Protein backbone atom coordinates (compact mmCIF):
# COMPACT_ATOMS: atom_id res chain seq x y z
CA MET A 1 -46.39 7.22 -19.29
CA GLY A 2 -48.45 5.92 -16.39
CA THR A 3 -48.26 2.52 -14.79
CA VAL A 4 -51.41 1.27 -16.59
CA GLU A 5 -49.97 2.20 -19.97
CA ALA A 6 -46.62 0.55 -19.17
CA ARG A 7 -48.36 -2.68 -18.12
CA ASN A 8 -50.58 -2.66 -21.20
CA LYS A 9 -47.60 -2.13 -23.50
CA GLN A 10 -45.86 -5.10 -21.87
CA VAL A 11 -48.93 -7.28 -22.45
CA VAL A 12 -48.99 -6.35 -26.13
CA GLU A 13 -45.22 -6.79 -26.52
CA ARG A 14 -45.47 -10.29 -24.98
CA TYR A 15 -48.42 -11.06 -27.24
CA TRP A 16 -46.44 -10.03 -30.35
CA ASP A 17 -43.60 -12.29 -29.24
CA ALA A 18 -45.98 -15.28 -29.09
CA HIS A 19 -47.72 -14.20 -32.31
CA PHE A 20 -44.59 -14.12 -34.46
CA ARG A 21 -43.48 -17.45 -33.03
CA ARG A 22 -46.93 -18.72 -34.05
CA ASP A 23 -47.33 -20.21 -30.59
CA TRP A 24 -51.09 -20.71 -30.93
CA ALA A 25 -51.71 -21.96 -27.38
CA ARG A 26 -49.75 -19.14 -25.80
CA MET A 27 -51.41 -16.56 -28.07
CA ALA A 28 -54.87 -17.72 -27.00
CA ARG A 29 -54.10 -17.01 -23.35
CA PHE A 30 -53.74 -13.28 -24.07
CA PHE A 31 -57.44 -12.81 -24.92
CA THR A 32 -60.52 -12.36 -22.76
CA SER A 33 -63.26 -14.93 -23.31
CA THR A 34 -65.24 -12.32 -25.28
CA ALA A 35 -62.33 -10.64 -27.07
CA HIS A 36 -63.06 -9.42 -30.58
CA TYR A 37 -60.63 -9.40 -33.53
CA THR A 38 -61.21 -8.08 -37.03
CA ASP A 39 -59.40 -6.90 -40.11
CA VAL A 40 -61.30 -3.62 -40.46
CA GLY A 41 -62.96 -3.33 -43.84
CA VAL A 42 -62.28 -6.96 -44.73
CA ASP A 43 -64.13 -9.53 -42.65
CA GLY A 44 -67.14 -7.76 -41.16
CA ALA A 45 -68.07 -9.82 -38.11
CA GLY A 46 -64.49 -10.81 -37.34
CA ALA A 47 -63.81 -13.41 -34.67
CA THR A 48 -64.89 -13.52 -31.02
CA GLY A 49 -63.16 -15.38 -28.22
CA PRO A 50 -59.73 -17.01 -28.17
CA ALA A 51 -60.64 -20.11 -30.22
CA GLU A 52 -62.16 -18.10 -33.08
CA ILE A 53 -59.36 -15.53 -33.03
CA ILE A 54 -56.66 -18.18 -33.24
CA ALA A 55 -58.50 -20.03 -36.02
CA ARG A 56 -58.88 -16.76 -37.93
CA LEU A 57 -55.14 -16.00 -37.57
CA ARG A 58 -54.06 -19.54 -38.43
CA LEU A 59 -55.91 -19.37 -41.74
CA GLY A 60 -53.57 -16.75 -43.14
CA ILE A 61 -50.30 -17.10 -41.29
CA GLU A 62 -49.96 -20.80 -40.47
CA PRO A 63 -48.89 -21.87 -43.99
CA LEU A 64 -46.20 -19.20 -44.28
CA GLU A 65 -42.66 -20.47 -44.57
CA GLY A 66 -41.33 -17.32 -42.91
CA TYR A 67 -43.13 -14.73 -40.82
CA HIS A 68 -41.19 -11.76 -39.51
CA HIS A 69 -42.09 -8.75 -37.39
CA LEU A 70 -40.69 -5.32 -38.18
CA PRO A 71 -42.07 -3.09 -35.41
CA ARG A 72 -42.07 0.67 -35.87
CA HIS A 73 -44.01 2.36 -33.04
CA LEU A 74 -45.85 1.17 -29.95
CA VAL A 75 -48.01 3.79 -28.24
CA ALA A 76 -50.22 3.36 -25.18
CA GLU A 77 -52.88 5.61 -23.72
CA GLY A 78 -55.15 4.25 -21.02
CA ASP A 79 -56.49 0.87 -22.15
CA LEU A 80 -55.44 1.37 -25.79
CA VAL A 81 -52.18 0.14 -27.28
CA VAL A 82 -51.45 1.00 -30.91
CA THR A 83 -48.72 -0.80 -32.85
CA GLU A 84 -47.47 0.45 -36.20
CA HIS A 85 -45.58 -2.41 -37.78
CA VAL A 86 -44.74 -4.34 -40.91
CA GLU A 87 -45.23 -8.07 -41.22
CA GLN A 88 -43.03 -9.84 -43.72
CA TRP A 89 -44.84 -12.82 -45.21
CA CYS A 90 -42.64 -15.40 -46.93
CA PHE A 91 -44.30 -18.15 -48.96
CA HIS A 92 -42.70 -21.48 -49.83
CA THR A 93 -43.41 -20.67 -53.48
CA GLY A 94 -40.99 -17.72 -53.32
CA GLU A 95 -43.24 -14.71 -52.86
CA VAL A 96 -42.26 -12.23 -50.13
CA ILE A 97 -44.71 -9.53 -49.08
CA ASP A 98 -43.97 -6.66 -46.71
CA HIS A 99 -47.39 -5.87 -45.33
CA PRO A 100 -47.83 -2.78 -43.12
CA PHE A 101 -50.38 -2.76 -40.32
CA THR A 102 -51.69 -0.50 -37.63
CA SER A 103 -53.02 -2.70 -34.85
CA VAL A 104 -55.26 -1.20 -32.17
CA MET A 105 -55.72 -3.30 -29.04
CA GLU A 106 -57.72 -2.63 -25.89
CA VAL A 107 -56.26 -4.25 -22.81
CA GLU A 108 -58.30 -4.92 -19.69
CA ASP A 109 -56.86 -6.49 -16.53
CA GLY A 110 -53.86 -7.82 -18.45
CA LEU A 111 -55.86 -9.37 -21.31
CA ILE A 112 -56.69 -8.17 -24.81
CA ARG A 113 -60.42 -7.55 -25.18
CA ARG A 114 -60.48 -5.92 -28.63
CA TRP A 115 -58.06 -6.00 -31.55
CA HIS A 116 -58.73 -4.19 -34.79
CA ASP A 117 -56.17 -4.40 -37.60
CA TYR A 118 -55.95 -1.75 -40.28
CA SER A 119 -54.01 -2.60 -43.43
CA HIS A 120 -54.16 -2.37 -47.20
CA ILE A 121 -55.56 -5.82 -47.92
CA GLY A 122 -55.06 -5.22 -51.65
CA ASN A 123 -51.33 -5.50 -50.97
CA LEU A 124 -51.83 -9.15 -50.01
CA VAL A 125 -54.39 -9.89 -52.71
CA ASP A 126 -52.17 -8.40 -55.42
CA HIS A 127 -48.99 -10.23 -54.37
CA ALA A 128 -49.95 -13.49 -52.63
CA PRO A 129 -49.83 -16.79 -54.50
CA ALA A 130 -53.05 -18.26 -55.88
CA TRP A 131 -52.93 -21.30 -53.54
CA TRP A 132 -52.93 -18.98 -50.49
CA LEU A 133 -55.84 -16.92 -51.85
CA GLU A 134 -57.80 -20.15 -52.39
CA ARG A 135 -57.08 -21.17 -48.79
CA ILE A 136 -58.34 -17.80 -47.51
CA ALA A 137 -61.49 -18.07 -49.63
CA GLY A 138 -62.33 -21.28 -47.75
CA GLY A 139 -62.69 -19.31 -44.50
CA TRP A 140 -61.37 -20.00 -41.03
CA ARG A 141 -64.30 -21.65 -39.26
CA HIS A 142 -63.22 -25.16 -40.32
CA LEU A 143 -60.02 -24.62 -38.32
CA LEU A 144 -61.88 -24.22 -34.99
CA ASP A 145 -61.51 -27.90 -34.10
CA ASP A 146 -57.71 -27.62 -34.37
CA SER A 147 -57.22 -24.26 -32.62
CA ALA A 148 -55.90 -23.63 -29.13
């Protein structure tokens, strides 16, 4: 692996560390000002820029009682870093969901400029508690005032 790939993998590994600690302010610093995040096939336009991305992420993962990362593979080629991983979502109401993802990130000059998540969203919809689904239905834009 070349030096660029090694640096890009380190950026993504540091991002995941902040992400699973839910360190919103630190997470925001990993994105370019025009970075784009989306759950492919779920939210269409996605979120652009650190404030929107963090608000979008907070909507789903902030209320979790437990949030654990089970990484499988991390592969880098040029500006792309692909992570195959499972997120374990633990709700205070007792539900636990192991949710697999493939996350594709483009890294430019040490910052993430594009992040597209691929998952089976039906896994969450079928197993998440009703209160969480109601929260998601409300959308993330109202969280912008509170984001990093």
